[in-house]
PDB file of N, CA and C in Angstrom:
ATOM      1  N   MET A   1       0.845  -1.157   0.000  1.00  0.00           N
ATOM      2  CA  MET A   1       0.000   0.000   0.000  1.00  0.00           C
ATOM      3  C   MET A   1       0.894   1.225   0.000  1.00  0.00           C
ATOM      4  N   GLU A   2       0.548   2.188  -0.793  1.00  0.00           N
ATOM      5  CA  GLU A   2       1.309   3.425  -0.838  1.00  0.00           C
ATOM      6  C   GLU A   2       0.441   4.581  -0.365  1.00  0.00           C
ATOM      7  N   TYR A   3       1.071   5.485   0.364  1.00  0.00           N
ATOM      8  CA  TYR A   3       0.378   6.667   0.858  1.00  0.00           C
ATOM      9  C   TYR A   3       1.358   7.827   0.845  1.00  0.00           C
ATOM     10  N   GLY A   4       1.012   8.884   0.156  1.00  0.00           N
ATOM     11  CA  GLY A   4       1.912  10.022   0.021  1.00  0.00           C
ATOM     12  C   GLY A   4       1.574  11.191   0.912  1.00  0.00           C
ATOM     13  N   GLY A   5       0.662  11.014   1.859  1.00  0.00           N
ATOM     14  CA  GLY A   5       0.259  12.105   2.744  1.00  0.00           C
ATOM     15  C   GLY A   5       1.189  12.250   3.929  1.00  0.00           C
ATOM     16  N   SER A   6       0.695  12.903   4.946  1.00  0.00           N
ATOM     17  CA  SER A   6       1.463  13.173   6.155  1.00  0.00           C
ATOM     18  C   SER A   6       1.935  11.878   6.824  1.00  0.00           C
ATOM     19  N   PRO A   7       3.216  11.833   7.258  1.00  0.00           N
ATOM     20  CA  PRO A   7       3.694  10.634   7.961  1.00  0.00           C
ATOM     21  C   PRO A   7       3.126  10.538   9.385  1.00  0.00           C
ATOM     22  N   TYR A   8       2.379  11.541   9.815  1.00  0.00           N
ATOM     23  CA  TYR A   8       1.829  11.563  11.173  1.00  0.00           C
ATOM     24  C   TYR A   8       0.316  11.377  11.183  1.00  0.00           C
ATOM     25  N   GLU A   9      -0.240  10.939  10.084  1.00  0.00           N
ATOM     26  CA  GLU A   9      -1.686  10.734   9.960  1.00  0.00           C
ATOM     27  C   GLU A   9      -2.107   9.519  10.777  1.00  0.00           C
ATOM     28  N   VAL A  10      -3.177   9.648  11.527  1.00  0.00           N
ATOM     29  CA  VAL A  10      -3.724   8.530  12.286  1.00  0.00           C
ATOM     30  C   VAL A  10      -4.918   7.993  11.509  1.00  0.00           C
ATOM     31  N   ILE A  11      -4.853   6.704  11.151  1.00  0.00           N
ATOM     32  CA  ILE A  11      -5.904   6.094  10.339  1.00  0.00           C
ATOM     33  C   ILE A  11      -6.336   4.790  10.999  1.00  0.00           C
ATOM     34  N   ASN A  12      -7.620   4.687  11.306  1.00  0.00           N
ATOM     35  CA  ASN A  12      -8.159   3.458  11.881  1.00  0.00           C
ATOM     36  C   ASN A  12      -8.330   2.400  10.805  1.00  0.00           C
ATOM     37  N   LEU A  13      -7.924   1.193  11.117  1.00  0.00           N
ATOM     38  CA  LEU A  13      -8.180   0.045  10.254  1.00  0.00           C
ATOM     39  C   LEU A  13      -8.926  -0.977  11.086  1.00  0.00           C
ATOM     40  N   GLY A  14      -9.921  -1.568  10.544  1.00  0.00           N
ATOM     41  CA  GLY A  14     -10.707  -2.550  11.282  1.00  0.00           C
ATOM     42  C   GLY A  14     -11.803  -3.095  10.405  1.00  0.00           C
ATOM     43  N   SER A  15     -12.745  -3.743  11.059  1.00  0.00           N
ATOM     44  CA  SER A  15     -13.835  -4.359  10.306  1.00  0.00           C
ATOM     45  C   SER A  15     -15.022  -3.423  10.153  1.00  0.00           C
ATOM     46  N   GLY A  16     -15.065  -2.357  10.960  1.00  0.00           N
ATOM     47  CA  GLY A  16     -16.186  -1.443  10.908  1.00  0.00           C
ATOM     48  C   GLY A  16     -17.396  -1.930  11.673  1.00  0.00           C
ATOM     49  N   ARG A  17     -17.250  -3.009  12.419  1.00  0.00           N
ATOM     50  CA  ARG A  17     -18.350  -3.507  13.252  1.00  0.00           C
ATOM     51  C   ARG A  17     -17.836  -3.715  14.669  1.00  0.00           C
ATOM     52  N   PRO A  18     -18.669  -3.451  15.659  1.00  0.00           N
ATOM     53  CA  PRO A  18     -18.207  -3.599  17.045  1.00  0.00           C
ATOM     54  C   PRO A  18     -17.988  -5.057  17.430  1.00  0.00           C
ATOM     55  N   MET A  19     -17.022  -5.289  18.299  1.00  0.00           N
ATOM     56  CA  MET A  19     -16.744  -6.612  18.862  1.00  0.00           C
ATOM     57  C   MET A  19     -16.525  -6.428  20.347  1.00  0.00           C
ATOM     58  N   SER A  20     -17.059  -7.332  21.128  1.00  0.00           N
ATOM     59  CA  SER A  20     -16.824  -7.256  22.567  1.00  0.00           C
ATOM     60  C   SER A  20     -15.426  -7.780  22.868  1.00  0.00           C
ATOM     61  N   LEU A  21     -14.895  -7.369  23.997  1.00  0.00           N
ATOM     62  CA  LEU A  21     -13.590  -7.853  24.421  1.00  0.00           C
ATOM     63  C   LEU A  21     -13.613  -9.372  24.581  1.00  0.00           C
ATOM     64  N   LEU A  22     -14.719  -9.908  25.069  1.00  0.00           N
ATOM     65  CA  LEU A  22     -14.832 -11.354  25.239  1.00  0.00           C
ATOM     66  C   LEU A  22     -14.788 -12.075  23.889  1.00  0.00           C
ATOM     67  N   GLU A  23     -15.393 -11.490  22.848  1.00  0.00           N
ATOM     68  CA  GLU A  23     -15.317 -12.077  21.501  1.00  0.00           C
ATOM     69  C   GLU A  23     -13.866 -12.128  21.024  1.00  0.00           C
ATOM     70  N   VAL A  24     -13.121 -11.062  21.278  1.00  0.00           N
ATOM     71  CA  VAL A  24     -11.718 -11.010  20.866  1.00  0.00           C
ATOM     72  C   VAL A  24     -10.914 -12.064  21.617  1.00  0.00           C
ATOM     73  N   VAL A  25     -11.123 -12.171  22.919  1.00  0.00           N
ATOM     74  CA  VAL A  25     -10.399 -13.153  23.731  1.00  0.00           C
ATOM     75  C   VAL A  25     -10.717 -14.572  23.262  1.00  0.00           C
ATOM     76  N   LYS A  26     -11.981 -14.872  23.003  1.00  0.00           N
ATOM     77  CA  LYS A  26     -12.372 -16.214  22.547  1.00  0.00           C
ATOM     78  C   LYS A  26     -11.722 -16.540  21.203  1.00  0.00           C
ATOM     79  N   ALA A  27     -11.695 -15.575  20.298  1.00  0.00           N
ATOM     80  CA  ALA A  27     -11.052 -15.796  19.002  1.00  0.00           C
ATOM     81  C   ALA A  27      -9.555 -16.043  19.174  1.00  0.00           C
ATOM     82  N   LEU A  28      -8.910 -15.285  20.057  1.00  0.00           N
ATOM     83  CA  LEU A  28      -7.487 -15.500  20.329  1.00  0.00           C
ATOM     84  C   LEU A  28      -7.251 -16.891  20.904  1.00  0.00           C
ATOM     85  N   GLU A  29      -8.095 -17.316  21.810  1.00  0.00           N
ATOM     86  CA  GLU A  29      -7.966 -18.661  22.393  1.00  0.00           C
ATOM     87  C   GLU A  29      -8.014 -19.721  21.301  1.00  0.00           C
ATOM     88  N   GLU A  30      -8.992 -19.593  20.410  1.00  0.00           N
ATOM     89  CA  GLU A  30      -9.154 -20.591  19.347  1.00  0.00           C
ATOM     90  C   GLU A  30      -7.984 -20.598  18.374  1.00  0.00           C
ATOM     91  N   VAL A  31      -7.569 -19.418  17.938  1.00  0.00           N
ATOM     92  CA  VAL A  31      -6.489 -19.321  16.948  1.00  0.00           C
ATOM     93  C   VAL A  31      -5.151 -19.756  17.541  1.00  0.00           C
ATOM     94  N   LEU A  32      -4.879 -19.370  18.790  1.00  0.00           N
ATOM     95  CA  LEU A  32      -3.597 -19.686  19.409  1.00  0.00           C
ATOM     96  C   LEU A  32      -3.578 -21.046  20.095  1.00  0.00           C
ATOM     97  N   GLY A  33      -4.756 -21.624  20.285  1.00  0.00           N
ATOM     98  CA  GLY A  33      -4.823 -22.943  20.913  1.00  0.00           C
ATOM     99  C   GLY A  33      -4.483 -22.922  22.390  1.00  0.00           C
ATOM    100  N   ILE A  34      -4.786 -21.822  23.059  1.00  0.00           N
ATOM    101  CA  ILE A  34      -4.542 -21.716  24.495  1.00  0.00           C
ATOM    102  C   ILE A  34      -5.796 -21.187  25.181  1.00  0.00           C
ATOM    103  N   LYS A  35      -5.904 -21.435  26.452  1.00  0.00           N
ATOM    104  CA  LYS A  35      -7.059 -20.973  27.230  1.00  0.00           C
ATOM    105  C   LYS A  35      -6.633 -19.755  28.049  1.00  0.00           C
ATOM    106  N   ALA A  36      -7.388 -18.684  27.922  1.00  0.00           N
ATOM    107  CA  ALA A  36      -7.103 -17.464  28.683  1.00  0.00           C
ATOM    108  C   ALA A  36      -7.549 -17.648  30.127  1.00  0.00           C
ATOM    109  N   GLN A  37      -6.820 -17.060  31.024  1.00  0.00           N
ATOM    110  CA  GLN A  37      -7.219 -17.031  32.430  1.00  0.00           C
ATOM    111  C   GLN A  37      -7.929 -15.695  32.641  1.00  0.00           C
ATOM    112  N   LEU A  38      -9.249 -15.760  32.747  1.00  0.00           N
ATOM    113  CA  LEU A  38     -10.050 -14.549  32.817  1.00  0.00           C
ATOM    114  C   LEU A  38     -10.387 -14.184  34.254  1.00  0.00           C
ATOM    115  N   GLU A  39     -10.376 -12.899  34.514  1.00  0.00           N
ATOM    116  CA  GLU A  39     -10.802 -12.367  35.801  1.00  0.00           C
ATOM    117  C   GLU A  39     -11.754 -11.215  35.501  1.00  0.00           C
ATOM    118  N   PHE A  40     -13.019 -11.411  35.791  1.00  0.00           N
ATOM    119  CA  PHE A  40     -14.023 -10.393  35.495  1.00  0.00           C
ATOM    120  C   PHE A  40     -14.099  -9.388  36.636  1.00  0.00           C
ATOM    121  N   LEU A  41     -13.898  -8.126  36.304  1.00  0.00           N
ATOM    122  CA  LEU A  41     -13.911  -7.037  37.278  1.00  0.00           C
ATOM    123  C   LEU A  41     -14.947  -6.006  36.854  1.00  0.00           C
ATOM    124  N   PRO A  42     -15.365  -5.148  37.783  1.00  0.00           N
ATOM    125  CA  PRO A  42     -16.288  -4.076  37.390  1.00  0.00           C
ATOM    126  C   PRO A  42     -15.603  -3.149  36.380  1.00  0.00           C
ATOM    127  N   PRO A  43     -16.413  -2.432  35.589  1.00  0.00           N
ATOM    128  CA  PRO A  43     -15.816  -1.480  34.642  1.00  0.00           C
ATOM    129  C   PRO A  43     -14.897  -0.494  35.369  1.00  0.00           C
ATOM    130  N   GLN A  44     -13.791  -0.165  34.717  1.00  0.00           N
ATOM    131  CA  GLN A  44     -12.803   0.750  35.279  1.00  0.00           C
ATOM    132  C   GLN A  44     -13.023   2.155  34.718  1.00  0.00           C
ATOM    133  N   PRO A  45     -12.598   3.187  35.455  1.00  0.00           N
ATOM    134  CA  PRO A  45     -12.717   4.552  34.932  1.00  0.00           C
ATOM    135  C   PRO A  45     -12.019   4.661  33.576  1.00  0.00           C
ATOM    136  N   GLY A  46     -12.716   5.232  32.625  1.00  0.00           N
ATOM    137  CA  GLY A  46     -12.145   5.393  31.284  1.00  0.00           C
ATOM    138  C   GLY A  46     -12.466   4.262  30.333  1.00  0.00           C
ATOM    139  N   ASP A  47     -13.019   3.153  30.831  1.00  0.00           N
ATOM    140  CA  ASP A  47     -13.401   2.053  29.937  1.00  0.00           C
ATOM    141  C   ASP A  47     -14.496   2.529  28.989  1.00  0.00           C
ATOM    142  N   ALA A  48     -14.352   2.209  27.728  1.00  0.00           N
ATOM    143  CA  ALA A  48     -15.387   2.541  26.748  1.00  0.00           C
ATOM    144  C   ALA A  48     -16.327   1.346  26.628  1.00  0.00           C
ATOM    145  N   PRO A  49     -17.622   1.551  26.838  1.00  0.00           N
ATOM    146  CA  PRO A  49     -18.546   0.415  26.761  1.00  0.00           C
ATOM    147  C   PRO A  49     -18.620  -0.186  25.362  1.00  0.00           C
ATOM    148  N   LYS A  50     -18.462   0.639  24.339  1.00  0.00           N
ATOM    149  CA  LYS A  50     -18.454   0.154  22.952  1.00  0.00           C
ATOM    150  C   LYS A  50     -17.467   0.995  22.165  1.00  0.00           C
ATOM    151  N   THR A  51     -16.779   0.356  21.256  1.00  0.00           N
ATOM    152  CA  THR A  51     -15.866   1.082  20.381  1.00  0.00           C
ATOM    153  C   THR A  51     -15.650   0.249  19.115  1.00  0.00           C
ATOM    154  N   TRP A  52     -15.467   0.908  18.002  1.00  0.00           N
ATOM    155  CA  TRP A  52     -15.109   0.233  16.764  1.00  0.00           C
ATOM    156  C   TRP A  52     -14.501   1.244  15.814  1.00  0.00           C
ATOM    157  N   ALA A  53     -13.754   0.745  14.872  1.00  0.00           N
ATOM    158  CA  ALA A  53     -13.035   1.614  13.936  1.00  0.00           C
ATOM    159  C   ALA A  53     -13.991   2.224  12.922  1.00  0.00           C
ATOM    160  N   SER A  54     -13.905   3.537  12.767  1.00  0.00           N
ATOM    161  CA  SER A  54     -14.595   4.201  11.669  1.00  0.00           C
ATOM    162  C   SER A  54     -13.674   4.107  10.464  1.00  0.00           C
ATOM    163  N   LEU A  55     -14.157   3.542   9.396  1.00  0.00           N
ATOM    164  CA  LEU A  55     -13.310   3.299   8.224  1.00  0.00           C
ATOM    165  C   LEU A  55     -13.398   4.395   7.167  1.00  0.00           C
ATOM    166  N   GLU A  56     -14.148   5.458   7.438  1.00  0.00           N
ATOM    167  CA  GLU A  56     -14.341   6.512   6.441  1.00  0.00           C
ATOM    168  C   GLU A  56     -13.026   7.130   5.985  1.00  0.00           C
ATOM    169  N   LYS A  57     -12.155   7.438   6.922  1.00  0.00           N
ATOM    170  CA  LYS A  57     -10.877   8.080   6.587  1.00  0.00           C
ATOM    171  C   LYS A  57      -9.974   7.113   5.812  1.00  0.00           C
ATOM    172  N   ALA A  58      -9.913   5.868   6.227  1.00  0.00           N
ATOM    173  CA  ALA A  58      -9.093   4.868   5.532  1.00  0.00           C
ATOM    174  C   ALA A  58      -9.591   4.659   4.110  1.00  0.00           C
ATOM    175  N   GLU A  59     -10.893   4.682   3.953  1.00  0.00           N
ATOM    176  CA  GLU A  59     -11.472   4.517   2.623  1.00  0.00           C
ATOM    177  C   GLU A  59     -11.122   5.712   1.741  1.00  0.00           C
ATOM    178  N   ARG A  60     -11.250   6.912   2.304  1.00  0.00           N
ATOM    179  CA  ARG A  60     -10.989   8.138   1.555  1.00  0.00           C
ATOM    180  C   ARG A  60      -9.511   8.286   1.190  1.00  0.00           C
ATOM    181  N   LEU A  61      -8.611   8.057   2.153  1.00  0.00           N
ATOM    182  CA  LEU A  61      -7.186   8.289   1.907  1.00  0.00           C
ATOM    183  C   LEU A  61      -6.454   7.116   1.280  1.00  0.00           C
ATOM    184  N   LEU A  62      -6.883   5.908   1.611  1.00  0.00           N
ATOM    185  CA  LEU A  62      -6.147   4.715   1.172  1.00  0.00           C
ATOM    186  C   LEU A  62      -6.924   3.818   0.221  1.00  0.00           C
ATOM    187  N   GLY A  63      -8.216   4.083   0.079  1.00  0.00           N
ATOM    188  CA  GLY A  63      -9.049   3.174  -0.709  1.00  0.00           C
ATOM    189  C   GLY A  63      -9.262   1.855   0.017  1.00  0.00           C
ATOM    190  N   PHE A  64      -9.116   1.866   1.357  1.00  0.00           N
ATOM    191  CA  PHE A  64      -9.197   0.635   2.151  1.00  0.00           C
ATOM    192  C   PHE A  64     -10.637   0.257   2.449  1.00  0.00           C
ATOM    193  N   THR A  65     -10.968  -0.975   2.169  1.00  0.00           N
ATOM    194  CA  THR A  65     -12.191  -1.603   2.651  1.00  0.00           C
ATOM    195  C   THR A  65     -11.801  -2.993   3.124  1.00  0.00           C
ATOM    196  N   PRO A  66     -12.354  -3.468   4.230  1.00  0.00           N
ATOM    197  CA  PRO A  66     -11.968  -4.775   4.758  1.00  0.00           C
ATOM    198  C   PRO A  66     -12.231  -5.882   3.741  1.00  0.00           C
ATOM    199  N   SER A  67     -11.276  -6.792   3.607  1.00  0.00           N
ATOM    200  CA  SER A  67     -11.449  -7.911   2.668  1.00  0.00           C
ATOM    201  C   SER A  67     -11.371  -9.258   3.376  1.00  0.00           C
ATOM    202  N   VAL A  68     -11.015  -9.260   4.649  1.00  0.00           N
ATOM    203  CA  VAL A  68     -10.982 -10.496   5.434  1.00  0.00           C
ATOM    204  C   VAL A  68     -11.708 -10.253   6.753  1.00  0.00           C
ATOM    205  N   SER A  69     -12.208 -11.306   7.334  1.00  0.00           N
ATOM    206  CA  SER A  69     -12.865 -11.190   8.633  1.00  0.00           C
ATOM    207  C   SER A  69     -11.812 -11.017   9.723  1.00  0.00           C
ATOM    208  N   PHE A  70     -12.268 -10.611  10.892  1.00  0.00           N
ATOM    209  CA  PHE A  70     -11.361 -10.483  12.034  1.00  0.00           C
ATOM    210  C   PHE A  70     -10.649 -11.809  12.277  1.00  0.00           C
ATOM    211  N   ARG A  71     -11.408 -12.885  12.262  1.00  0.00           N
ATOM    212  CA  ARG A  71     -10.851 -14.223  12.522  1.00  0.00           C
ATOM    213  C   ARG A  71      -9.785 -14.589  11.485  1.00  0.00           C
ATOM    214  N   GLU A  72     -10.068 -14.343  10.214  1.00  0.00           N
ATOM    215  CA  GLU A  72      -9.092 -14.638   9.158  1.00  0.00           C
ATOM    216  C   GLU A  72      -7.815 -13.812   9.343  1.00  0.00           C
ATOM    217  N   GLY A  73      -7.976 -12.545   9.676  1.00  0.00           N
ATOM    218  CA  GLY A  73      -6.818 -11.684   9.908  1.00  0.00           C
ATOM    219  C   GLY A  73      -5.999 -12.149  11.091  1.00  0.00           C
ATOM    220  N   LEU A  74      -6.682 -12.567  12.148  1.00  0.00           N
ATOM    221  CA  LEU A  74      -6.013 -13.065  13.342  1.00  0.00           C
ATOM    222  C   LEU A  74      -5.238 -14.346  13.033  1.00  0.00           C
ATOM    223  N   GLU A  75      -5.844 -15.231  12.259  1.00  0.00           N
ATOM    224  CA  GLU A  75      -5.159 -16.471  11.868  1.00  0.00           C
ATOM    225  C   GLU A  75      -3.923 -16.174  11.024  1.00  0.00           C
ATOM    226  N   GLY A  76      -4.055 -15.256  10.062  1.00  0.00           N
ATOM    227  CA  GLY A  76      -2.914 -14.889   9.228  1.00  0.00           C
ATOM    228  C   GLY A  76      -1.791 -14.250  10.034  1.00  0.00           C
ATOM    229  N   PHE A  77      -2.147 -13.368  10.967  1.00  0.00           N
ATOM    230  CA  PHE A  77      -1.146 -12.724  11.815  1.00  0.00           C
ATOM    231  C   PHE A  77      -0.454 -13.759  12.687  1.00  0.00           C
ATOM    232  N   SER A  78      -1.214 -14.689  13.238  1.00  0.00           N
ATOM    233  CA  SER A  78      -0.640 -15.736  14.079  1.00  0.00           C
ATOM    234  C   SER A  78       0.352 -16.589  13.287  1.00  0.00           C
ATOM    235  N   GLN A  79      -0.010 -16.949  12.070  1.00  0.00           N
ATOM    236  CA  GLN A  79       0.898 -17.747  11.226  1.00  0.00           C
ATOM    237  C   GLN A  79       2.158 -16.957  10.904  1.00  0.00           C
ATOM    238  N   TRP A  80       1.992 -15.672  10.577  1.00  0.00           N
ATOM    239  CA  TRP A  80       3.149 -14.829  10.287  1.00  0.00           C
ATOM    240  C   TRP A  80       4.055 -14.722  11.505  1.00  0.00           C
ATOM    241  N   LEU A  81       3.471 -14.466  12.673  1.00  0.00           N
ATOM    242  CA  LEU A  81       4.244 -14.294  13.888  1.00  0.00           C
ATOM    243  C   LEU A  81       4.986 -15.573  14.262  1.00  0.00           C
ATOM    244  N   ARG A  82       4.336 -16.691  14.126  1.00  0.00           N
ATOM    245  CA  ARG A  82       4.965 -17.971  14.450  1.00  0.00           C
ATOM    246  C   ARG A  82       6.076 -18.331  13.462  1.00  0.00           C
ATOM    247  N   GLY A  83       6.017 -17.782  12.270  1.00  0.00           N
ATOM    248  CA  GLY A  83       7.045 -18.051  11.269  1.00  0.00           C
ATOM    249  C   GLY A  83       8.282 -17.186  11.413  1.00  0.00           C
ATOM    250  N   ARG A  84       8.199 -16.155  12.251  1.00  0.00           N
ATOM    251  CA  ARG A  84       9.343 -15.272  12.471  1.00  0.00           C
ATOM    252  C   ARG A  84      10.359 -15.956  13.369  1.00  0.00           C
ATOM    253  N   ARG A  85      11.597 -15.684  13.118  1.00  0.00           N
ATOM    254  CA  ARG A  85      12.666 -16.200  13.986  1.00  0.00           C
ATOM    255  C   ARG A  85      13.053 -15.118  14.966  1.00  0.00           C
ATOM    256  N   CYS A  86      13.093 -15.475  16.219  1.00  0.00           N
ATOM    257  CA  CYS A  86      13.491 -14.511  17.254  1.00  0.00           C
ATOM    258  C   CYS A  86      14.937 -14.748  17.635  1.00  0.00           C
ATOM    259  N   GLY A  87      15.665 -13.660  17.911  1.00  0.00           N
ATOM    260  CA  GLY A  87      17.048 -13.765  18.366  1.00  0.00           C
ATOM    261  C   GLY A  87      17.945 -13.812  17.233  1.00  0.00           C
TER     262      GLY A  87
END
């Protein structure tokens, strides 16, 4: 991807649909093959009850529209990360 604008531009990338933190954790568990140790606590100051990426800016500046699901992206990232050599 090429972008000739400001090197300090902040651009959200995502699916454009909300996901709960628990959905993200469950997907990570499945993709990584490990079980998370969860501790449920009351909401903390500053916690956002809902959040998701607005893709309008990415679409306008980069021509970006999501082409893979969150799960597919997570699987691809996991495979890439596991293929890297550390040290």
